[in-house]
Every structure is written in structure tokens, then in C-alpha cells.
Amino acid sequence: MTPFQKSVYRATMRVPKGSVTTYGRIAKSIGSLGAARAVGNVLNKNIDTVHIPCHRVVCANGKVGGYVHGQREKIRKLRHEGVVIKKGRVDESHIIDV
């Protein structure tokens, strides 16, 4: 695992239940401003979704985005944690910096 991947996973683990962050905010928090797409690529390969809650990372515009287990499962998990989603977008009140 590369240092970049490790830093993405560590940052993702800081997102608490009931909150989400964005790919861009993860990139910024690890000192890789502009690497949102690279963050998404790392999370797309996450095989430890129990300990690394990549379902809590969404697109900058609030769209839910992809998930290794499918978008429907991502939405189910987020709603179970209390995140409000309307028309495929997360309510802004749930988006935090990490």
C-alpha cells in the first residue's frame, strides 16, 4: 500500500457516523489539493469497508457517487446512519471537513 493510499484511508476513518465528507476535502486534508479523483480511485479499491467507511465520502456537489458495493447500498448505509438524501444528493448539513 502506498503512503497516499494510507493517508486516504486514515482520513476516511475520521468521518463519524451521521456525517459525510467529499473526495476533495479528503484530498485537501492530506495535503493533496486537487487530487479528488485520485482519492476516489483509492476508495473504489477499498476492500475493508467495515473499518474504512468509504460510503461516507461523496461528490463535491452532494451527489452520492459510487461505492464498491453499489450506489444503492451506499445510500442504504448512509440513511441508516441518519444522513438525509434527497434525489441522490446528501443534505449539506451532513458534510464536514476532516
N, C-alpha and C. Protein backbone atom coordinates (compact mmCIF):
# COMPACT_ATOMS: atom_id res chain seq x y z
N MET A 1 0.85 -1.17 0.00
CA MET A 1 0.00 0.00 0.00
C MET A 1 0.90 1.25 0.00
N THR A 2 0.53 2.21 -0.82
CA THR A 2 1.34 3.42 -0.92
C THR A 2 1.05 4.38 0.23
N PRO A 3 1.96 5.32 0.49
CA PRO A 3 1.69 6.33 1.52
C PRO A 3 0.42 7.15 1.21
N PHE A 4 0.18 7.43 -0.06
CA PHE A 4 -1.03 8.16 -0.44
C PHE A 4 -2.28 7.37 -0.06
N GLN A 5 -2.30 6.09 -0.39
CA GLN A 5 -3.45 5.25 -0.04
C GLN A 5 -3.67 5.21 1.47
N LYS A 6 -2.59 5.03 2.22
CA LYS A 6 -2.70 5.00 3.68
C LYS A 6 -3.29 6.30 4.22
N SER A 7 -2.84 7.42 3.68
CA SER A 7 -3.35 8.71 4.17
C SER A 7 -4.83 8.89 3.82
N VAL A 8 -5.24 8.43 2.65
CA VAL A 8 -6.66 8.50 2.26
C VAL A 8 -7.49 7.65 3.22
N TYR A 9 -7.04 6.44 3.49
CA TYR A 9 -7.80 5.56 4.38
C TYR A 9 -7.86 6.12 5.80
N ARG A 10 -6.75 6.66 6.29
CA ARG A 10 -6.75 7.25 7.65
C ARG A 10 -7.73 8.42 7.73
N ALA A 11 -7.72 9.29 6.73
CA ALA A 11 -8.64 10.43 6.72
C ALA A 11 -10.09 9.97 6.66
N THR A 12 -10.36 8.95 5.88
CA THR A 12 -11.72 8.43 5.74
C THR A 12 -12.22 7.85 7.07
N MET A 13 -11.33 7.25 7.83
CA MET A 13 -11.72 6.68 9.12
C MET A 13 -12.09 7.74 10.14
N ARG A 14 -11.75 9.00 9.88
CA ARG A 14 -12.09 10.10 10.80
C ARG A 14 -13.51 10.64 10.59
N VAL A 15 -14.20 10.18 9.57
CA VAL A 15 -15.56 10.67 9.30
C VAL A 15 -16.53 9.89 10.20
N PRO A 16 -17.19 10.59 11.13
CA PRO A 16 -18.09 9.89 12.06
C PRO A 16 -19.42 9.50 11.43
N LYS A 17 -20.08 8.55 12.08
CA LYS A 17 -21.43 8.16 11.65
C LYS A 17 -22.32 9.39 11.64
N GLY A 18 -23.19 9.45 10.64
CA GLY A 18 -24.12 10.57 10.54
C GLY A 18 -23.57 11.77 9.80
N SER A 19 -22.31 11.67 9.39
CA SER A 19 -21.67 12.75 8.64
C SER A 19 -21.05 12.18 7.38
N VAL A 20 -20.78 13.07 6.44
CA VAL A 20 -20.05 12.69 5.23
C VAL A 20 -19.02 13.78 4.95
N THR A 21 -18.09 13.47 4.10
CA THR A 21 -17.15 14.45 3.58
C THR A 21 -17.06 14.23 2.08
N THR A 22 -16.28 15.04 1.42
CA THR A 22 -16.15 14.90 -0.04
C THR A 22 -14.77 14.38 -0.41
N TYR A 23 -14.67 13.90 -1.63
CA TYR A 23 -13.38 13.43 -2.14
C TYR A 23 -12.37 14.56 -2.10
N GLY A 24 -12.81 15.76 -2.46
CA GLY A 24 -11.93 16.93 -2.46
C GLY A 24 -11.48 17.33 -1.06
N ARG A 25 -12.36 17.22 -0.09
CA ARG A 25 -12.00 17.56 1.29
C ARG A 25 -11.01 16.55 1.86
N ILE A 26 -11.17 15.29 1.48
CA ILE A 26 -10.17 14.28 1.88
C ILE A 26 -8.82 14.66 1.28
N ALA A 27 -8.81 14.97 -0.02
CA ALA A 27 -7.56 15.33 -0.70
C ALA A 27 -6.90 16.52 -0.01
N LYS A 28 -7.68 17.54 0.29
CA LYS A 28 -7.15 18.74 0.94
C LYS A 28 -6.59 18.40 2.32
N SER A 29 -7.30 17.55 3.07
CA SER A 29 -6.88 17.23 4.44
C SER A 29 -5.56 16.46 4.48
N ILE A 30 -5.23 15.77 3.40
CA ILE A 30 -3.97 15.01 3.38
C ILE A 30 -2.88 15.75 2.62
N GLY A 31 -3.15 17.00 2.28
CA GLY A 31 -2.14 17.82 1.61
C GLY A 31 -2.00 17.57 0.13
N SER A 32 -3.05 17.06 -0.49
CA SER A 32 -3.03 16.78 -1.93
C SER A 32 -4.17 17.50 -2.63
N LEU A 33 -4.23 18.81 -2.43
CA LEU A 33 -5.27 19.62 -3.04
C LEU A 33 -5.34 19.34 -4.54
N GLY A 34 -6.53 19.14 -5.04
CA GLY A 34 -6.71 18.85 -6.46
C GLY A 34 -6.66 17.37 -6.81
N ALA A 35 -6.53 16.52 -5.81
CA ALA A 35 -6.42 15.08 -6.06
C ALA A 35 -7.71 14.33 -5.72
N ALA A 36 -8.85 15.01 -5.87
CA ALA A 36 -10.13 14.37 -5.53
C ALA A 36 -10.36 13.09 -6.32
N ARG A 37 -10.05 13.13 -7.59
CA ARG A 37 -10.25 11.94 -8.43
C ARG A 37 -9.36 10.78 -7.96
N ALA A 38 -8.13 11.10 -7.57
CA ALA A 38 -7.21 10.07 -7.07
C ALA A 38 -7.73 9.48 -5.76
N VAL A 39 -8.32 10.32 -4.91
CA VAL A 39 -8.93 9.83 -3.68
C VAL A 39 -10.06 8.86 -4.01
N GLY A 40 -10.89 9.23 -4.97
CA GLY A 40 -11.98 8.35 -5.40
C GLY A 40 -11.48 7.02 -5.91
N ASN A 41 -10.38 7.05 -6.66
CA ASN A 41 -9.80 5.81 -7.19
C ASN A 41 -9.31 4.90 -6.06
N VAL A 42 -8.71 5.51 -5.04
CA VAL A 42 -8.25 4.72 -3.89
C VAL A 42 -9.44 4.09 -3.18
N LEU A 43 -10.46 4.89 -2.91
CA LEU A 43 -11.63 4.37 -2.18
C LEU A 43 -12.41 3.34 -2.99
N ASN A 44 -12.35 3.44 -4.30
CA ASN A 44 -13.02 2.45 -5.16
C ASN A 44 -12.40 1.06 -5.00
N LYS A 45 -11.17 1.00 -4.53
CA LYS A 45 -10.48 -0.28 -4.35
C LYS A 45 -10.48 -0.74 -2.90
N ASN A 46 -11.18 -0.03 -2.03
CA ASN A 46 -11.23 -0.37 -0.61
C ASN A 46 -11.91 -1.72 -0.42
N ILE A 47 -11.19 -2.65 0.18
CA ILE A 47 -11.78 -3.97 0.45
C ILE A 47 -12.17 -4.14 1.92
N ASP A 48 -11.84 -3.15 2.75
CA ASP A 48 -12.15 -3.22 4.17
C ASP A 48 -13.20 -2.16 4.53
N THR A 49 -14.39 -2.31 3.97
CA THR A 49 -15.44 -1.30 4.16
C THR A 49 -15.99 -1.27 5.59
N VAL A 50 -15.67 -2.27 6.39
CA VAL A 50 -16.10 -2.28 7.79
C VAL A 50 -15.29 -1.26 8.59
N HIS A 51 -13.98 -1.24 8.39
CA HIS A 51 -13.10 -0.35 9.16
C HIS A 51 -12.81 0.97 8.44
N ILE A 52 -12.93 0.99 7.14
CA ILE A 52 -12.70 2.21 6.36
C ILE A 52 -14.03 2.58 5.70
N PRO A 53 -14.80 3.46 6.33
CA PRO A 53 -16.16 3.75 5.89
C PRO A 53 -16.24 4.66 4.66
N CYS A 54 -15.82 4.14 3.54
CA CYS A 54 -15.77 4.95 2.31
C CYS A 54 -17.16 5.34 1.83
N HIS A 55 -18.21 4.71 2.36
CA HIS A 55 -19.56 5.13 1.99
C HIS A 55 -19.87 6.53 2.51
N ARG A 56 -19.04 7.04 3.41
CA ARG A 56 -19.24 8.38 3.97
C ARG A 56 -18.54 9.48 3.17
N VAL A 57 -18.07 9.14 1.98
CA VAL A 57 -17.40 10.12 1.12
C VAL A 57 -18.26 10.31 -0.14
N VAL A 58 -18.59 11.57 -0.43
CA VAL A 58 -19.49 11.89 -1.54
C VAL A 58 -18.84 12.92 -2.47
N CYS A 59 -19.51 13.21 -3.56
CA CYS A 59 -19.02 14.20 -4.53
C CYS A 59 -19.19 15.62 -3.98
N ALA A 60 -18.42 16.55 -4.51
CA ALA A 60 -18.45 17.95 -4.05
C ALA A 60 -19.83 18.58 -4.20
N ASN A 61 -20.59 18.16 -5.20
CA ASN A 61 -21.92 18.73 -5.42
C ASN A 61 -23.01 18.04 -4.59
N GLY A 62 -22.60 17.14 -3.69
CA GLY A 62 -23.55 16.45 -2.83
C GLY A 62 -24.07 15.14 -3.38
N LYS A 63 -23.78 14.86 -4.67
CA LYS A 63 -24.22 13.58 -5.22
C LYS A 63 -23.53 12.45 -4.46
N VAL A 64 -24.25 11.37 -4.30
CA VAL A 64 -23.76 10.25 -3.51
C VAL A 64 -22.50 9.64 -4.11
N GLY A 65 -22.42 9.53 -5.41
CA GLY A 65 -21.23 8.95 -6.05
C GLY A 65 -21.24 7.44 -5.99
N GLY A 66 -20.14 6.85 -6.37
CA GLY A 66 -20.04 5.40 -6.44
C GLY A 66 -19.67 4.76 -5.11
N TYR A 67 -19.70 3.44 -5.12
CA TYR A 67 -19.37 2.65 -3.94
C TYR A 67 -19.05 1.24 -4.40
N VAL A 68 -18.07 0.64 -3.76
CA VAL A 68 -17.62 -0.69 -4.17
C VAL A 68 -18.76 -1.73 -4.13
N HIS A 69 -19.74 -1.55 -3.25
CA HIS A 69 -20.88 -2.46 -3.15
C HIS A 69 -22.13 -1.92 -3.85
N GLY A 70 -21.96 -0.88 -4.64
CA GLY A 70 -23.07 -0.31 -5.40
C GLY A 70 -23.69 0.90 -4.73
N GLN A 71 -24.19 1.80 -5.55
CA GLN A 71 -24.76 3.05 -5.06
C GLN A 71 -25.97 2.83 -4.16
N ARG A 72 -26.79 1.87 -4.49
CA ARG A 72 -27.99 1.57 -3.68
C ARG A 72 -27.59 1.21 -2.24
N GLU A 73 -26.53 0.40 -2.10
CA GLU A 73 -26.05 0.02 -0.77
C GLU A 73 -25.45 1.21 -0.04
N LYS A 74 -24.75 2.09 -0.76
CA LYS A 74 -24.19 3.29 -0.15
C LYS A 74 -25.30 4.16 0.42
N ILE A 75 -26.35 4.37 -0.34
CA ILE A 75 -27.48 5.17 0.12
C ILE A 75 -28.15 4.51 1.32
N ARG A 76 -28.31 3.20 1.29
CA ARG A 76 -28.92 2.48 2.41
C ARG A 76 -28.10 2.68 3.69
N LYS A 77 -26.77 2.54 3.58
CA LYS A 77 -25.91 2.70 4.75
C LYS A 77 -25.96 4.13 5.29
N LEU A 78 -25.90 5.10 4.40
CA LEU A 78 -25.93 6.50 4.84
C LEU A 78 -27.25 6.82 5.53
N ARG A 79 -28.35 6.40 4.96
CA ARG A 79 -29.65 6.65 5.58
C ARG A 79 -29.76 5.96 6.94
N HIS A 80 -29.22 4.75 7.04
CA HIS A 80 -29.22 4.02 8.31
C HIS A 80 -28.46 4.81 9.38
N GLU A 81 -27.44 5.56 8.97
CA GLU A 81 -26.65 6.37 9.90
C GLU A 81 -27.26 7.74 10.14
N GLY A 82 -28.41 8.03 9.51
CA GLY A 82 -29.11 9.28 9.75
C GLY A 82 -28.83 10.40 8.76
N VAL A 83 -28.13 10.08 7.69
CA VAL A 83 -27.83 11.09 6.67
C VAL A 83 -29.05 11.26 5.77
N VAL A 84 -29.45 12.51 5.57
CA VAL A 84 -30.61 12.82 4.73
C VAL A 84 -30.16 12.89 3.28
N ILE A 85 -30.84 12.12 2.42
CA ILE A 85 -30.53 12.10 0.99
C ILE A 85 -31.82 12.33 0.23
N LYS A 86 -31.81 13.34 -0.64
CA LYS A 86 -32.97 13.64 -1.47
C LYS A 86 -32.52 13.74 -2.92
N LYS A 87 -33.19 12.99 -3.78
CA LYS A 87 -32.89 12.99 -5.22
C LYS A 87 -31.41 12.71 -5.49
N GLY A 88 -30.86 11.75 -4.75
CA GLY A 88 -29.48 11.32 -4.98
C GLY A 88 -28.42 12.25 -4.44
N ARG A 89 -28.83 13.25 -3.64
CA ARG A 89 -27.87 14.20 -3.07
C ARG A 89 -27.98 14.23 -1.54
N VAL A 90 -26.82 14.37 -0.92
CA VAL A 90 -26.76 14.45 0.53
C VAL A 90 -27.09 15.87 0.97
N ASP A 91 -27.88 16.00 2.02
CA ASP A 91 -28.17 17.31 2.59
C ASP A 91 -26.86 17.93 3.08
N GLU A 92 -26.63 19.18 2.72
CA GLU A 92 -25.37 19.88 3.03
C GLU A 92 -25.04 19.89 4.52
N SER A 93 -26.04 19.83 5.37
CA SER A 93 -25.79 19.89 6.81
C SER A 93 -24.97 18.70 7.32
N HIS A 94 -24.86 17.65 6.52
CA HIS A 94 -24.12 16.45 6.94
C HIS A 94 -22.66 16.48 6.47
N ILE A 95 -22.30 17.42 5.60
CA ILE A 95 -20.94 17.44 5.01
C ILE A 95 -19.99 18.18 5.94
N ILE A 96 -18.88 17.51 6.29
CA ILE A 96 -17.90 18.07 7.23
C ILE A 96 -16.49 18.04 6.61
N ASP A 97 -15.59 18.81 7.23
CA ASP A 97 -14.16 18.70 6.92
C ASP A 97 -13.59 17.62 7.82
N VAL A 98 -12.51 17.01 7.36
CA VAL A 98 -11.83 16.00 8.19
C VAL A 98 -10.42 16.43 8.50
